[in-house]
């Protein structure tokens, strides 16, 4: 798994950062399962987001 993100630091202080958020429902399930969450728990706690992702939201970040 990889991510598309960046951080800009100056003298040890973070000035800015950003990333492209996950917008793929299958990757969303995989990421949650990697941290020990089951599909039923994901759909119960994050059901609205999971269902919305089924319609293909655009990449955002």
N, C-alpha and C. Protein backbone atom coordinates (compact mmCIF):
# COMPACT_ATOMS: atom_id res chain seq x y z
N UNK A 1 0.85 -1.16 0.00
CA UNK A 1 0.00 0.00 0.00
C UNK A 1 0.90 1.23 0.00
N UNK A 2 0.53 2.24 -0.73
CA UNK A 2 1.29 3.48 -0.78
C UNK A 2 0.33 4.65 -0.62
N UNK A 3 0.89 5.82 -0.43
CA UNK A 3 0.04 7.01 -0.31
C UNK A 3 0.61 8.14 -1.15
N UNK A 4 -0.25 9.06 -1.49
CA UNK A 4 0.14 10.27 -2.21
C UNK A 4 -0.01 11.42 -1.23
N UNK A 5 1.12 11.83 -0.63
CA UNK A 5 1.07 12.88 0.38
C UNK A 5 2.36 13.67 0.37
N UNK A 6 2.32 14.82 1.02
CA UNK A 6 3.52 15.64 1.12
C UNK A 6 3.50 16.43 2.43
N UNK A 7 4.68 16.80 2.89
CA UNK A 7 4.87 17.68 4.04
C UNK A 7 5.99 18.64 3.70
N UNK A 8 5.85 19.88 4.12
CA UNK A 8 6.90 20.88 3.94
C UNK A 8 7.27 21.40 5.32
N UNK A 9 8.54 21.23 5.69
CA UNK A 9 9.03 21.67 7.00
C UNK A 9 10.13 22.69 6.83
N UNK A 10 10.23 23.59 7.79
CA UNK A 10 11.29 24.59 7.81
C UNK A 10 11.77 24.74 9.25
N UNK A 11 13.05 24.48 9.47
CA UNK A 11 13.64 24.57 10.82
C UNK A 11 12.88 23.74 11.84
N UNK A 12 12.44 22.56 11.45
CA UNK A 12 11.75 21.65 12.35
C UNK A 12 10.27 21.92 12.54
N UNK A 13 9.72 22.91 11.87
CA UNK A 13 8.29 23.22 11.97
C UNK A 13 7.59 22.84 10.68
N UNK A 14 6.46 22.16 10.82
CA UNK A 14 5.68 21.82 9.63
C UNK A 14 4.95 23.06 9.16
N UNK A 15 5.21 23.43 7.92
CA UNK A 15 4.58 24.62 7.35
C UNK A 15 3.27 24.25 6.66
N UNK A 16 3.29 23.17 5.91
CA UNK A 16 2.08 22.71 5.24
C UNK A 16 2.19 21.23 4.92
N UNK A 17 1.05 20.64 4.66
CA UNK A 17 1.00 19.23 4.29
C UNK A 17 -0.29 18.98 3.52
N UNK A 18 -0.34 17.86 2.85
CA UNK A 18 -1.53 17.51 2.10
C UNK A 18 -1.46 16.08 1.60
N UNK A 19 -2.60 15.60 1.15
CA UNK A 19 -2.65 14.24 0.61
C UNK A 19 -3.93 14.06 -0.19
N UNK A 20 -3.91 13.04 -1.03
CA UNK A 20 -5.11 12.63 -1.75
C UNK A 20 -5.83 11.62 -0.87
N UNK A 21 -7.08 11.87 -0.58
CA UNK A 21 -7.85 10.99 0.29
C UNK A 21 -8.32 9.75 -0.47
N UNK A 22 -8.53 8.68 0.29
CA UNK A 22 -9.01 7.43 -0.29
C UNK A 22 -10.40 7.65 -0.88
N UNK A 23 -10.60 7.20 -2.12
CA UNK A 23 -11.91 7.33 -2.77
C UNK A 23 -12.34 6.03 -3.45
N UNK A 24 -11.65 4.94 -3.12
CA UNK A 24 -11.93 3.62 -3.70
C UNK A 24 -12.53 2.73 -2.61
N UNK A 25 -13.79 2.28 -2.75
CA UNK A 25 -14.42 1.50 -1.68
C UNK A 25 -13.69 0.20 -1.35
N UNK A 26 -13.12 -0.47 -2.33
CA UNK A 26 -12.39 -1.71 -2.04
C UNK A 26 -11.11 -1.42 -1.26
N UNK A 27 -10.42 -0.36 -1.63
CA UNK A 27 -9.22 0.03 -0.90
C UNK A 27 -9.57 0.48 0.51
N UNK A 28 -10.72 1.12 0.67
CA UNK A 28 -11.19 1.53 1.99
C UNK A 28 -11.36 0.30 2.89
N UNK A 29 -12.02 -0.74 2.37
CA UNK A 29 -12.19 -1.98 3.15
C UNK A 29 -10.85 -2.60 3.48
N UNK A 30 -9.94 -2.65 2.51
CA UNK A 30 -8.62 -3.23 2.73
C UNK A 30 -7.87 -2.49 3.83
N UNK A 31 -7.90 -1.16 3.79
CA UNK A 31 -7.20 -0.36 4.80
C UNK A 31 -7.77 -0.62 6.19
N UNK A 32 -9.09 -0.66 6.32
CA UNK A 32 -9.69 -0.93 7.62
C UNK A 32 -9.37 -2.35 8.10
N UNK A 33 -9.38 -3.31 7.19
CA UNK A 33 -9.07 -4.69 7.57
C UNK A 33 -7.62 -4.82 8.02
N UNK A 34 -6.72 -4.02 7.45
CA UNK A 34 -5.31 -4.05 7.84
C UNK A 34 -5.12 -3.63 9.30
N UNK A 35 -6.02 -2.82 9.82
CA UNK A 35 -5.91 -2.39 11.22
C UNK A 35 -6.88 -3.16 12.12
N UNK A 36 -7.37 -4.30 11.63
CA UNK A 36 -8.15 -5.20 12.46
C UNK A 36 -9.64 -4.97 12.49
N UNK A 37 -10.18 -4.24 11.55
CA UNK A 37 -11.63 -4.00 11.50
C UNK A 37 -12.25 -4.95 10.49
N UNK A 38 -13.38 -5.55 10.84
CA UNK A 38 -14.08 -6.44 9.94
C UNK A 38 -15.06 -5.68 9.06
N UNK A 39 -15.48 -6.30 7.97
CA UNK A 39 -16.38 -5.64 7.03
C UNK A 39 -17.71 -5.26 7.68
N UNK A 40 -18.24 -6.13 8.56
CA UNK A 40 -19.50 -5.80 9.23
C UNK A 40 -19.36 -4.57 10.12
N UNK A 41 -18.25 -4.48 10.86
CA UNK A 41 -18.02 -3.32 11.72
C UNK A 41 -17.85 -2.05 10.90
N UNK A 42 -17.16 -2.16 9.78
CA UNK A 42 -16.94 -1.01 8.90
C UNK A 42 -18.28 -0.49 8.39
N UNK A 43 -19.12 -1.40 7.92
CA UNK A 43 -20.42 -0.99 7.37
C UNK A 43 -21.33 -0.44 8.46
N UNK A 44 -21.20 -0.95 9.70
CA UNK A 44 -22.01 -0.44 10.79
C UNK A 44 -21.57 0.97 11.20
N UNK A 45 -20.26 1.18 11.36
CA UNK A 45 -19.76 2.47 11.85
C UNK A 45 -19.58 3.51 10.75
N UNK A 46 -19.27 3.06 9.55
CA UNK A 46 -18.98 3.98 8.45
C UNK A 46 -19.86 3.70 7.24
N UNK A 47 -21.06 3.21 7.49
CA UNK A 47 -21.95 2.79 6.41
C UNK A 47 -22.27 3.87 5.40
N UNK A 48 -22.54 5.09 5.87
CA UNK A 48 -22.89 6.17 4.95
C UNK A 48 -21.73 6.49 4.02
N UNK A 49 -20.53 6.54 4.57
CA UNK A 49 -19.36 6.83 3.73
C UNK A 49 -19.11 5.68 2.75
N UNK A 50 -19.22 4.45 3.23
CA UNK A 50 -19.00 3.29 2.37
C UNK A 50 -20.01 3.27 1.22
N UNK A 51 -21.28 3.53 1.52
CA UNK A 51 -22.31 3.55 0.48
C UNK A 51 -22.07 4.68 -0.52
N UNK A 52 -21.68 5.84 -0.03
CA UNK A 52 -21.41 6.97 -0.93
C UNK A 52 -20.27 6.64 -1.88
N UNK A 53 -19.28 5.91 -1.39
CA UNK A 53 -18.13 5.56 -2.23
C UNK A 53 -18.52 4.60 -3.35
N UNK A 54 -19.63 3.90 -3.21
CA UNK A 54 -20.08 2.98 -4.25
C UNK A 54 -20.46 3.72 -5.53
N UNK A 55 -20.73 5.02 -5.43
CA UNK A 55 -21.11 5.82 -6.59
C UNK A 55 -19.93 6.51 -7.24
N UNK A 56 -18.72 6.25 -6.74
CA UNK A 56 -17.52 6.76 -7.38
C UNK A 56 -17.22 8.23 -7.16
N UNK A 57 -16.97 8.63 -5.91
CA UNK A 57 -16.61 10.03 -5.69
C UNK A 57 -15.28 10.36 -6.37
N UNK A 58 -15.09 11.59 -6.80
CA UNK A 58 -13.82 11.96 -7.44
C UNK A 58 -12.70 12.03 -6.41
N UNK A 59 -11.46 11.87 -6.84
CA UNK A 59 -10.33 12.05 -5.92
C UNK A 59 -10.38 13.46 -5.32
N UNK A 60 -10.07 13.56 -4.06
CA UNK A 60 -10.09 14.86 -3.40
C UNK A 60 -8.93 14.94 -2.41
N UNK A 61 -8.51 16.12 -2.11
CA UNK A 61 -7.40 16.24 -1.18
C UNK A 61 -6.92 17.60 -0.95
